[in-house]
C-alpha atoms as a PDB file:
ATOM      1  CA  UNK A   1      10.064  19.855  -7.917  1.00  0.00           C
ATOM      2  CA  UNK A   2       8.860  16.174  -8.573  1.00  0.00           C
ATOM      3  CA  UNK A   3       5.261  16.858  -8.861  1.00  0.00           C
ATOM      4  CA  UNK A   4       6.162  19.991 -10.775  1.00  0.00           C
ATOM      5  CA  UNK A   5       7.279  18.815 -13.404  1.00  0.00           C
ATOM      6  CA  UNK A   6       4.816  15.765 -13.687  1.00  0.00           C
ATOM      7  CA  UNK A   7       1.959  18.354 -13.717  1.00  0.00           C
ATOM      8  CA  UNK A   8       4.086  20.584 -16.140  1.00  0.00           C
ATOM      9  CA  UNK A   9       4.275  17.302 -18.541  1.00  0.00           C
ATOM     10  CA  UNK A  10       1.041  16.263 -17.702  1.00  0.00           C
ATOM     11  CA  UNK A  11       0.002  19.389 -18.930  1.00  0.00           C
ATOM     12  CA  UNK A  12       1.835  18.555 -21.761  1.00  0.00           C
ATOM     13  CA  UNK A  13      -0.094  15.816 -22.862  1.00  0.00           C
ATOM     14  CA  UNK A  14      -3.433  17.795 -22.633  1.00  0.00           C
ATOM     15  CA  UNK A  15      -2.525  19.616 -24.610  1.00  0.00           C
ATOM     16  CA  UNK A  16      -1.011  17.257 -27.053  1.00  0.00           C
ATOM     17  CA  UNK A  17      -4.118  15.599 -26.883  1.00  0.00           C
ATOM     18  CA  UNK A  18      -6.633  18.103 -27.390  1.00  0.00           C
ATOM     19  CA  UNK A  19      -4.301  19.814 -30.645  1.00  0.00           C
ATOM     20  CA  UNK A  20      -5.173  15.609 -32.337  1.00  0.00           C
ATOM     21  CA  UNK A  21      -8.824  15.443 -30.866  1.00  0.00           C
ATOM     22  CA  UNK A  22      -9.155  19.091 -32.743  1.00  0.00           C
ATOM     23  CA  UNK A  23      -7.221  17.625 -35.641  1.00  0.00           C
ATOM     24  CA  UNK A  24      -9.040  15.044 -35.507  1.00  0.00           C
ATOM     25  CA  UNK A  25     -12.602  16.932 -35.321  1.00  0.00           C
ATOM     26  CA  UNK A  26     -11.604  19.388 -38.499  1.00  0.00           C
ATOM     27  CA  UNK A  27     -11.598  15.803 -40.432  1.00  0.00           C
ATOM     28  CA  UNK A  28     -14.213  14.337 -39.278  1.00  0.00           C
ATOM     29  CA  UNK A  29     -16.004  17.767 -39.868  1.00  0.00           C
ATOM     30  CA  UNK A  30     -15.301  18.491 -43.227  1.00  0.00           C
ATOM     31  CA  UNK A  31     -15.932  15.199 -44.619  1.00  0.00           C
ATOM     32  CA  UNK A  32     -13.167  13.891 -45.527  1.00  0.00           C
ATOM     33  CA  UNK A  33     -12.389  10.396 -44.583  1.00  0.00           C
ATOM     34  CA  UNK A  34      -9.815   9.034 -42.402  1.00  0.00           C
ATOM     35  CA  UNK A  35      -9.330   6.071 -44.343  1.00  0.00           C
ATOM     36  CA  UNK A  36      -8.102   5.163 -47.803  1.00  0.00           C
ATOM     37  CA  UNK A  37     -10.841   3.080 -48.427  1.00  0.00           C
ATOM     38  CA  UNK A  38     -13.109   5.717 -47.206  1.00  0.00           C
ATOM     39  CA  UNK A  39     -12.118   8.802 -49.958  1.00  0.00           C
ATOM     40  CA  UNK A  40     -11.557   5.564 -52.267  1.00  0.00           C
ATOM     41  CA  UNK A  41     -15.201   4.640 -51.878  1.00  0.00           C
ATOM     42  CA  UNK A  42     -16.449   8.317 -52.199  1.00  0.00           C
ATOM     43  CA  UNK A  43     -14.741   9.016 -55.262  1.00  0.00           C
ATOM     44  CA  UNK A  44     -16.452   6.225 -56.726  1.00  0.00           C
ATOM     45  CA  UNK A  45     -19.912   7.049 -56.140  1.00  0.00           C
ATOM     46  CA  UNK A  46     -18.921  10.481 -57.085  1.00  0.00           C
ATOM     47  CA  UNK A  47     -17.928   8.759 -60.254  1.00  0.00           C
ATOM     48  CA  UNK A  48     -21.719   6.759 -60.469  1.00  0.00           C
ATOM     49  CA  UNK A  49     -20.752   4.118 -59.298  1.00  0.00           C
ATOM     50  CA  UNK A  50     -19.323   0.388 -60.269  1.00  0.00           C
ATOM     51  CA  UNK A  51     -21.348  -0.250 -63.339  1.00  0.00           C
ATOM     52  CA  UNK A  52     -20.414   3.705 -64.800  1.00  0.00           C
ATOM     53  CA  UNK A  53     -17.194   4.046 -64.262  1.00  0.00           C
ATOM     54  CA  UNK A  54     -16.762   0.497 -66.456  1.00  0.00           C
ATOM     55  CA  UNK A  55     -18.275   2.620 -68.942  1.00  0.00           C
ATOM     56  CA  UNK A  56     -15.192   4.886 -68.826  1.00  0.00           C
ATOM     57  CA  UNK A  57     -12.613   2.049 -69.642  1.00  0.00           C
ATOM     58  CA  UNK A  58     -14.611   2.149 -73.683  1.00  0.00           C
ATOM     59  CA  UNK A  59     -14.604   5.612 -75.301  1.00  0.00           C
ATOM     60  CA  UNK A  60     -14.047   8.505 -78.628  1.00  0.00           C
ATOM     61  CA  UNK A  61     -12.732  11.503 -77.977  1.00  0.00           C
ATOM     62  CA  UNK A  62     -11.956  13.559 -80.360  1.00  0.00           C
ATOM     63  CA  UNK A  63     -10.096  17.232 -79.854  1.00  0.00           C
ATOM     64  CA  UNK A  64      -6.498  18.938 -80.126  1.00  0.00           C
ATOM     65  CA  UNK A  65      -3.392  18.839 -78.084  1.00  0.00           C
ATOM     66  CA  UNK A  66      -1.443  21.763 -78.035  1.00  0.00           C
ATOM     67  CA  UNK A  67       2.110  21.787 -79.041  1.00  0.00           C
ATOM     68  CA  UNK A  68       4.904  21.776 -76.890  1.00  0.00           C
ATOM     69  CA  UNK A  69       7.787  23.087 -78.928  1.00  0.00           C
ATOM     70  CA  UNK A  70       5.826  26.663 -79.482  1.00  0.00           C
ATOM     71  CA  UNK A  71       8.171  29.275 -77.627  1.00  0.00           C
ATOM     72  CA  UNK A  72       6.447  31.747 -78.867  1.00  0.00           C
ATOM     73  CA  UNK A  73       2.546  31.335 -80.241  1.00  0.00           C
ATOM     74  CA  UNK A  74      -0.348  28.572 -78.202  1.00  0.00           C
ATOM     75  CA  UNK A  75      -0.403  26.307 -81.190  1.00  0.00           C
ATOM     76  CA  UNK A  76      -2.513  23.129 -80.791  1.00  0.00           C
ATOM     77  CA  UNK A  77      -3.112  19.975 -83.710  1.00  0.00           C
ATOM     78  CA  UNK A  78      -6.032  17.796 -84.243  1.00  0.00           C
ATOM     79  CA  UNK A  79      -6.090  14.593 -81.428  1.00  0.00           C
ATOM     80  CA  UNK A  80      -8.447  11.780 -81.441  1.00  0.00           C
ATOM     81  CA  UNK A  81      -7.822   9.006 -79.255  1.00  0.00           C
ATOM     82  CA  UNK A  82      -9.422   5.882 -78.314  1.00  0.00           C
ATOM     83  CA  UNK A  83      -9.451   3.441 -75.268  1.00  0.00           C
ATOM     84  CA  UNK A  84     -10.890  -0.556 -75.109  1.00  0.00           C
ATOM     85  CA  UNK A  85      -9.941  -1.675 -71.253  1.00  0.00           C
ATOM     86  CA  UNK A  86      -6.141  -1.994 -71.856  1.00  0.00           C
ATOM     87  CA  UNK A  87      -6.289  -1.241 -75.359  1.00  0.00           C
ATOM     88  CA  UNK A  88      -4.901   1.954 -76.238  1.00  0.00           C
ATOM     89  CA  UNK A  89      -4.681   4.629 -79.118  1.00  0.00           C
ATOM     90  CA  UNK A  90      -4.198   8.347 -80.060  1.00  0.00           C
ATOM     91  CA  UNK A  91      -3.089  10.185 -83.264  1.00  0.00           C
ATOM     92  CA  UNK A  92      -2.275  13.379 -83.763  1.00  0.00           C
ATOM     93  CA  UNK A  93      -2.686  15.932 -86.953  1.00  0.00           C
ATOM     94  CA  UNK A  94      -1.167  18.683 -88.717  1.00  0.00           C
ATOM     95  CA  UNK A  95      -2.662  20.646 -90.946  1.00  0.00           C
ATOM     96  CA  UNK A  96      -1.887  23.630 -91.698  1.00  0.00           C
ATOM     97  CA  UNK A  97      -3.411  26.101 -94.056  1.00  0.00           C
ATOM     98  CA  UNK A  98      -6.427  23.652 -93.893  1.00  0.00           C
ATOM     99  CA  UNK A  99      -4.195  21.084 -95.150  1.00  0.00           C
ATOM    100  CA  UNK A 100      -3.257  17.925 -93.945  1.00  0.00           C
ATOM    101  CA  UNK A 101       0.586  17.218 -93.933  1.00  0.00           C
ATOM    102  CA  UNK A 102       1.398  15.435 -91.064  1.00  0.00           C
ATOM    103  CA  UNK A 103       0.072  12.664 -89.045  1.00  0.00           C
ATOM    104  CA  UNK A 104       1.585  10.396 -86.127  1.00  0.00           C
ATOM    105  CA  UNK A 105      -0.205   7.530 -84.563  1.00  0.00           C
ATOM    106  CA  UNK A 106       0.704   5.527 -81.064  1.00  0.00           C
ATOM    107  CA  UNK A 107      -1.071   2.414 -79.923  1.00  0.00           C
ATOM    108  CA  UNK A 108      -0.642   0.049 -77.094  1.00  0.00           C
ATOM    109  CA  UNK A 109      -2.433  -3.205 -78.067  1.00  0.00           C
ATOM    110  CA  UNK A 110      -1.716  -4.598 -74.491  1.00  0.00           C
ATOM    111  CA  UNK A 111       1.707  -6.288 -74.876  1.00  0.00           C
ATOM    112  CA  UNK A 112       4.271  -2.843 -76.206  1.00  0.00           C
ATOM    113  CA  UNK A 113       4.115   0.282 -77.256  1.00  0.00           C
ATOM    114  CA  UNK A 114       3.940   1.338 -81.104  1.00  0.00           C
ATOM    115  CA  UNK A 115       4.794   4.162 -83.387  1.00  0.00           C
ATOM    116  CA  UNK A 116       4.190   5.498 -86.951  1.00  0.00           C
ATOM    117  CA  UNK A 117       5.017   8.697 -88.997  1.00  0.00           C
ATOM    118  CA  UNK A 118       3.073   8.464 -92.276  1.00  0.00           C
ATOM    119  CA  UNK A 119       5.720   8.153 -95.142  1.00  0.00           C
ATOM    120  CA  UNK A 120       7.449   5.625 -92.649  1.00  0.00           C
ATOM    121  CA  UNK A 121       7.290   2.381 -90.735  1.00  0.00           C
ATOM    122  CA  UNK A 122       6.001   1.272 -87.188  1.00  0.00           C
ATOM    123  CA  UNK A 123       8.205   1.280 -84.733  1.00  0.00           C
ATOM    124  CA  UNK A 124       8.286  -1.060 -81.016  1.00  0.00           C
ATOM    125  CA  UNK A 125       8.902   2.353 -78.799  1.00  0.00           C
ATOM    126  CA  UNK A 126       9.419   1.740 -75.097  1.00  0.00           C
ATOM    127  CA  UNK A 127       5.958   1.716 -73.089  1.00  0.00           C
ATOM    128  CA  UNK A 128       6.130   4.138 -70.429  1.00  0.00           C
ATOM    129  CA  UNK A 129       3.194   5.568 -70.124  1.00  0.00           C
ATOM    130  CA  UNK A 130       1.019   3.725 -72.284  1.00  0.00           C
ATOM    131  CA  UNK A 131       1.464   0.832 -69.990  1.00  0.00           C
ATOM    132  CA  UNK A 132       0.435   2.084 -66.898  1.00  0.00           C
ATOM    133  CA  UNK A 133      -3.274   2.465 -68.152  1.00  0.00           C
ATOM    134  CA  UNK A 134      -4.275   0.566 -65.153  1.00  0.00           C
ATOM    135  CA  UNK A 135      -2.718   3.467 -62.953  1.00  0.00           C
ATOM    136  CA  UNK A 136      -4.938   6.580 -65.067  1.00  0.00           C
ATOM    137  CA  UNK A 137      -8.337   7.835 -65.447  1.00  0.00           C
ATOM    138  CA  UNK A 138     -10.328   5.868 -65.727  1.00  0.00           C
ATOM    139  CA  UNK A 139      -9.699   2.357 -64.344  1.00  0.00           C
ATOM    140  CA  UNK A 140      -7.499   3.731 -61.551  1.00  0.00           C
ATOM    141  CA  UNK A 141     -10.916   4.551 -60.009  1.00  0.00           C
ATOM    142  CA  UNK A 142     -11.561   0.698 -59.445  1.00  0.00           C
ATOM    143  CA  UNK A 143      -7.944  -0.291 -59.216  1.00  0.00           C
ATOM    144  CA  UNK A 144      -8.095   1.707 -55.609  1.00  0.00           C
ATOM    145  CA  UNK A 145     -11.286  -0.047 -54.307  1.00  0.00           C
ATOM    146  CA  UNK A 146      -8.857  -3.024 -54.107  1.00  0.00           C
ATOM    147  CA  UNK A 147      -8.566  -4.235 -50.080  1.00  0.00           C
ATOM    148  CA  UNK A 148      -5.393  -6.352 -50.287  1.00  0.00           C
ATOM    149  CA  UNK A 149      -3.416  -2.814 -51.465  1.00  0.00           C
ATOM    150  CA  UNK A 150      -1.094  -1.282 -49.575  1.00  0.00           C
ATOM    151  CA  UNK A 151      -2.529   1.901 -49.326  1.00  0.00           C
ATOM    152  CA  UNK A 152      -2.230   5.619 -46.847  1.00  0.00           C
ATOM    153  CA  UNK A 153      -4.227   8.893 -46.572  1.00  0.00           C
ATOM    154  CA  UNK A 154      -1.382  11.369 -46.895  1.00  0.00           C
ATOM    155  CA  UNK A 155      -1.803  14.065 -44.152  1.00  0.00           C
ATOM    156  CA  UNK A 156      -3.799  17.536 -45.694  1.00  0.00           C
ATOM    157  CA  UNK A 157      -0.824  20.214 -45.636  1.00  0.00           C
ATOM    158  CA  UNK A 158      -2.361  23.954 -44.915  1.00  0.00           C
ATOM    159  CA  UNK A 159      -3.133  25.246 -48.984  1.00  0.00           C
ATOM    160  CA  UNK A 160      -3.743  21.484 -50.310  1.00  0.00           C
ATOM    161  CA  UNK A 161      -6.779  21.912 -52.524  1.00  0.00           C
ATOM    162  CA  UNK A 162      -7.058  17.711 -52.832  1.00  0.00           C
ATOM    163  CA  UNK A 163      -6.634  14.630 -50.440  1.00  0.00           C
ATOM    164  CA  UNK A 164      -4.774  12.530 -51.319  1.00  0.00           C
ATOM    165  CA  UNK A 165      -4.207   8.844 -51.383  1.00  0.00           C
ATOM    166  CA  UNK A 166      -0.546   7.164 -51.502  1.00  0.00           C
ATOM    167  CA  UNK A 167      -0.715   3.157 -52.906  1.00  0.00           C
ATOM    168  CA  UNK A 168       1.959   0.452 -53.140  1.00  0.00           C
ATOM    169  CA  UNK A 169       2.274  -2.595 -55.737  1.00  0.00           C
ATOM    170  CA  UNK A 170       5.273  -4.169 -56.511  1.00  0.00           C
ATOM    171  CA  UNK A 171       7.836  -1.965 -57.498  1.00  0.00           C
ATOM    172  CA  UNK A 172       5.186   1.273 -58.221  1.00  0.00           C
ATOM    173  CA  UNK A 173       3.792   4.215 -56.362  1.00  0.00           C
ATOM    174  CA  UNK A 174       0.793   5.835 -57.083  1.00  0.00           C
ATOM    175  CA  UNK A 175      -0.631   8.933 -55.574  1.00  0.00           C
ATOM    176  CA  UNK A 176      -3.979   9.260 -56.567  1.00  0.00           C
ATOM    177  CA  UNK A 177      -5.762  13.438 -55.635  1.00  0.00           C
ATOM    178  CA  UNK A 178      -9.158  13.671 -55.359  1.00  0.00           C
ATOM    179  CA  UNK A 179     -11.017  17.025 -55.265  1.00  0.00           C
ATOM    180  CA  UNK A 180     -12.746  17.086 -51.493  1.00  0.00           C
ATOM    181  CA  UNK A 181     -15.385  19.185 -53.111  1.00  0.00           C
ATOM    182  CA  UNK A 182     -16.165  17.217 -55.932  1.00  0.00           C
ATOM    183  CA  UNK A 183     -15.036  13.872 -55.249  1.00  0.00           C
ATOM    184  CA  UNK A 184     -13.517  13.528 -58.581  1.00  0.00           C
ATOM    185  CA  UNK A 185     -10.311  12.057 -59.342  1.00  0.00           C
ATOM    186  CA  UNK A 186      -8.182  15.157 -60.144  1.00  0.00           C
ATOM    187  CA  UNK A 187      -4.466  13.344 -60.304  1.00  0.00           C
ATOM    188  CA  UNK A 188      -2.203  10.806 -60.722  1.00  0.00           C
ATOM    189  CA  UNK A 189       1.384  10.438 -60.464  1.00  0.00           C
ATOM    190  CA  UNK A 190       3.104   7.487 -60.134  1.00  0.00           C
ATOM    191  CA  UNK A 191       6.660   6.718 -59.539  1.00  0.00           C
ATOM    192  CA  UNK A 192       9.282   3.760 -59.043  1.00  0.00           C
ATOM    193  CA  UNK A 193      10.513   2.073 -55.849  1.00  0.00           C
ATOM    194  CA  UNK A 194      13.520   0.310 -58.661  1.00  0.00           C
ATOM    195  CA  UNK A 195      14.146   3.650 -60.758  1.00  0.00           C
ATOM    196  CA  UNK A 196      14.002   6.634 -58.727  1.00  0.00           C
ATOM    197  CA  UNK A 197      14.923   8.260 -61.920  1.00  0.00           C
ATOM    198  CA  UNK A 198      10.802   7.599 -63.345  1.00  0.00           C
ATOM    199  CA  UNK A 199       7.944   9.854 -62.326  1.00  0.00           C
ATOM    200  CA  UNK A 200       5.038  10.566 -63.986  1.00  0.00           C
ATOM    201  CA  UNK A 201       2.071  12.422 -63.323  1.00  0.00           C
ATOM    202  CA  UNK A 202      -2.017  13.120 -65.003  1.00  0.00           C
ATOM    203  CA  UNK A 203      -3.918  15.264 -64.190  1.00  0.00           C
ATOM    204  CA  UNK A 204      -7.826  15.883 -65.082  1.00  0.00           C
ATOM    205  CA  UNK A 205      -9.954  19.225 -65.105  1.00  0.00           C
ATOM    206  CA  UNK A 206     -13.427  20.424 -66.993  1.00  0.00           C
ATOM    207  CA  UNK A 207     -15.522  17.389 -65.311  1.00  0.00           C
ATOM    208  CA  UNK A 208     -18.287  16.731 -68.583  1.00  0.00           C
ATOM    209  CA  UNK A 209     -21.476  15.575 -67.623  1.00  0.00           C
ATOM    210  CA  UNK A 210     -21.364  12.670 -70.748  1.00  0.00           C
ATOM    211  CA  UNK A 211     -24.761  10.379 -70.544  1.00  0.00           C
ATOM    212  CA  UNK A 212     -24.872  10.974 -67.535  1.00  0.00           C
ATOM    213  CA  UNK A 213     -20.919   9.839 -66.626  1.00  0.00           C
ATOM    214  CA  UNK A 214     -18.263  12.738 -64.827  1.00  0.00           C
ATOM    215  CA  UNK A 215     -15.534  12.776 -67.552  1.00  0.00           C
ATOM    216  CA  UNK A 216     -12.145  15.462 -67.957  1.00  0.00           C
ATOM    217  CA  UNK A 217     -12.014  17.487 -70.819  1.00  0.00           C
ATOM    218  CA  UNK A 218      -8.368  18.571 -70.226  1.00  0.00           C
ATOM    219  CA  UNK A 219      -5.730  15.907 -69.607  1.00  0.00           C
ATOM    220  CA  UNK A 220      -2.307  17.575 -68.879  1.00  0.00           C
ATOM    221  CA  UNK A 221       0.583  15.540 -68.123  1.00  0.00           C
ATOM    222  CA  UNK A 222       4.439  15.676 -66.554  1.00  0.00           C
ATOM    223  CA  UNK A 223       6.973  13.264 -67.724  1.00  0.00           C
ATOM    224  CA  UNK A 224      10.172  14.038 -64.513  1.00  0.00           C
ATOM    225  CA  UNK A 225       9.278  16.962 -63.684  1.00  0.00           C
ATOM    226  CA  UNK A 226       8.487  18.459 -67.239  1.00  0.00           C
ATOM    227  CA  UNK A 227       5.389  19.247 -69.071  1.00  0.00           C
ATOM    228  CA  UNK A 228       4.779  15.300 -71.159  1.00  0.00           C
ATOM    229  CA  UNK A 229       1.162  16.237 -73.120  1.00  0.00           C
ATOM    230  CA  UNK A 230      -2.135  18.635 -72.307  1.00  0.00           C
ATOM    231  CA  UNK A 231      -4.712  17.646 -74.055  1.00  0.00           C
ATOM    232  CA  UNK A 232      -8.256  18.864 -74.583  1.00  0.00           C
ATOM    233  CA  UNK A 233     -11.494  16.909 -75.871  1.00  0.00           C
ATOM    234  CA  UNK A 234     -14.045  18.737 -77.338  1.00  0.00           C
ATOM    235  CA  UNK A 235     -15.510  15.701 -78.293  1.00  0.00           C
ATOM    236  CA  UNK A 236     -16.369  12.543 -75.697  1.00  0.00           C
ATOM    237  CA  UNK A 237     -18.530   9.389 -76.640  1.00  0.00           C
ATOM    238  CA  UNK A 238     -18.586   6.246 -74.778  1.00  0.00           C
ATOM    239  CA  UNK A 239     -18.672   3.427 -77.091  1.00  0.00           C
ATOM    240  CA  UNK A 240     -18.498  -0.536 -76.246  1.00  0.00           C
ATOM    241  CA  UNK A 241     -17.661  -1.494 -79.876  1.00  0.00           C
ATOM    242  CA  UNK A 242     -15.194  -0.028 -80.625  1.00  0.00           C
ATOM    243  CA  UNK A 243     -13.449  -3.448 -82.015  1.00  0.00           C
ATOM    244  CA  UNK A 244      -9.761  -4.552 -81.840  1.00  0.00           C
ATOM    245  CA  UNK A 245      -8.388  -3.546 -85.293  1.00  0.00           C
ATOM    246  CA  UNK A 246      -8.938  -0.036 -85.376  1.00  0.00           C
ATOM    247  CA  UNK A 247      -6.131  -0.156 -81.783  1.00  0.00           C
ATOM    248  CA  UNK A 248      -3.341  -0.088 -84.445  1.00  0.00           C
ATOM    249  CA  UNK A 249      -3.091   1.717 -88.131  1.00  0.00           C
ATOM    250  CA  UNK A 250      -5.609   1.980 -90.302  1.00  0.00           C
ATOM    251  CA  UNK A 251      -5.266   2.739 -93.834  1.00  0.00           C
ATOM    252  CA  UNK A 252      -7.751   5.613 -92.566  1.00  0.00           C
ATOM    253  CA  UNK A 253      -5.231   6.670 -89.617  1.00  0.00           C
ATOM    254  CA  UNK A 254      -2.716   6.972 -93.127  1.00  0.00           C
ATOM    255  CA  UNK A 255      -5.087   9.320 -94.401  1.00  0.00           C
ATOM    256  CA  UNK A 256      -4.059   8.777 -98.428  1.00  0.00           C
ATOM    257  CA  UNK A 257      -1.169  10.502 -97.419  1.00  0.00           C
ATOM    258  CA  UNK A 258       1.057   6.997 -96.821  1.00  0.00           C
ATOM    259  CA  UNK A 259       0.130   3.378 -96.770  1.00  0.00           C
ATOM    260  CA  UNK A 260       1.187   1.814 -93.065  1.00  0.00           C
ATOM    261  CA  UNK A 261       3.689  -1.250 -93.378  1.00  0.00           C
ATOM    262  CA  UNK A 262       2.424  -4.190 -91.929  1.00  0.00           C
ATOM    263  CA  UNK A 263       5.153  -5.897 -91.189  1.00  0.00           C
ATOM    264  CA  UNK A 264       7.452  -3.609 -87.953  1.00  0.00           C
ATOM    265  CA  UNK A 265      10.682  -2.245 -88.148  1.00  0.00           C
ATOM    266  CA  UNK A 266      13.201  -2.611 -85.194  1.00  0.00           C
ATOM    267  CA  UNK A 267      12.977  -0.690 -82.232  1.00  0.00           C
ATOM    268  CA  UNK A 268      15.027   2.615 -82.436  1.00  0.00           C
END
């Protein structure tokens, strides 16, 4: 009886070992590196390498943002977005019947986020996603190359179309999704170990070639599980000469509707 039990146990071990080897073979054949660093390097190469990714961190984009409050007909507003390192700005313009009636400007000056609406004052607002730029496209592509990051490659579940890498930095947990067909960045999800109610995600779709560098035309985000924004860029320029003065409310932003106030009002 003891001998039979030992053989049975040995057979079970061999079966488990064979399954593990088969799984490893599948991963190997699929070309998916077993380490998060290996996946991160393939993503960097797919985006053109370090020099080209660095060019992505200064750009201007023009397009449209979808009105999420429109339940009957999908409406959209003209949308401009600017990025330069840790500076970020977005402008939303409403122009029914071709006449500009409203402008909203949101910008991050590297320290705090601000909001201005035509006819009103500039307010300091909660930083939210604008303070998470290094975890989002394009900077996250370089950020995940950090050798000292606490990282793991999550198991690929049946039906998954992406490879996921999980990183921890302080209280932030960043899950990066990579398309194993193109090895381009597919999306990020940011949660907090300190605040379990916080969850922000951003997906990147419809990559196009901009001066030899892949750039997503669609940015779609969720905040705590609900669609937060969805915008599509029809024109993208990689520009390294964007002045710092652009990343605030300018007279050009007001478009004659109302001049922006210089002094900021307290946060509401």
